Amino acid sequence: MQLNLEFFDQPDVPPSAPVAWEQIDEAARMAAIEILARLISRLLQNGPATEASDE
């Protein structure tokens, strides 16, 4: 969800402007989803990152 602040000038974008995701063909979308799923899986397998202690 994206919120707009009213005090900034809004660009003249037609309400039916295509979303970048919709401009990508279905095969490319599926490949992107698979890559993201693998990256998320790797991050979850490694567990939470631990921060170094100052002591």
Protein backbone atom coordinates (compact mmCIF):
# COMPACT_ATOMS: atom_id res chain seq x y z
CA MET A 1 0.00 0.00 0.00
CA GLN A 2 1.35 3.42 -0.89
CA LEU A 3 0.19 6.59 0.81
CA ASN A 4 0.45 10.01 -0.78
CA LEU A 5 1.13 13.19 1.12
CA GLU A 6 -1.16 15.95 -0.07
CA PHE A 7 1.36 18.80 0.30
CA PHE A 8 3.61 17.45 -2.48
CA ASP A 9 2.79 18.08 -6.12
CA GLN A 10 1.48 14.89 -7.63
CA PRO A 11 2.67 13.96 -11.14
CA ASP A 12 0.04 13.72 -13.83
CA VAL A 13 -0.27 9.95 -14.01
CA PRO A 14 -3.36 8.57 -15.65
CA PRO A 15 -5.34 6.31 -13.30
CA SER A 16 -5.02 3.43 -15.74
CA ALA A 17 -1.19 3.54 -15.93
CA PRO A 18 0.15 -0.03 -16.25
CA VAL A 19 1.97 -1.51 -13.29
CA ALA A 20 5.52 -2.71 -14.04
CA TRP A 21 4.66 -6.25 -12.87
CA GLU A 22 1.83 -6.42 -15.41
CA GLN A 23 4.19 -5.43 -18.24
CA ILE A 24 6.36 -8.54 -17.68
CA ASP A 25 5.34 -11.70 -19.52
CA GLU A 26 4.12 -14.65 -17.47
CA ALA A 27 7.28 -16.75 -17.93
CA ALA A 28 9.43 -13.92 -16.56
CA ARG A 29 7.03 -13.47 -13.64
CA MET A 30 7.27 -17.15 -12.75
CA ALA A 31 11.07 -17.05 -12.94
CA ALA A 32 11.16 -13.99 -10.67
CA ILE A 33 8.84 -15.65 -8.15
CA GLU A 34 10.99 -18.81 -8.10
CA ILE A 35 14.18 -16.80 -7.56
CA LEU A 36 12.59 -14.80 -4.74
CA ALA A 37 11.27 -17.99 -3.13
CA ARG A 38 14.77 -19.53 -3.20
CA LEU A 39 16.31 -16.38 -1.69
CA ILE A 40 13.71 -16.28 1.08
CA SER A 41 14.24 -19.97 1.76
CA ARG A 42 18.00 -19.50 2.08
CA LEU A 43 17.52 -16.59 4.46
CA LEU A 44 15.15 -18.62 6.63
CA GLN A 45 17.47 -21.65 6.68
CA ASN A 46 20.38 -19.55 7.94
CA GLY A 47 18.31 -18.36 10.87
CA PRO A 48 18.24 -14.87 12.31
CA ALA A 49 21.37 -12.78 11.92
CA THR A 50 23.18 -12.23 15.18
CA GLU A 51 24.75 -8.92 16.00
CA ALA A 52 28.24 -8.63 17.41
CA SER A 53 28.47 -7.76 21.06
CA ASP A 54 30.13 -4.53 22.18
CA GLU A 55 31.43 -6.23 25.31
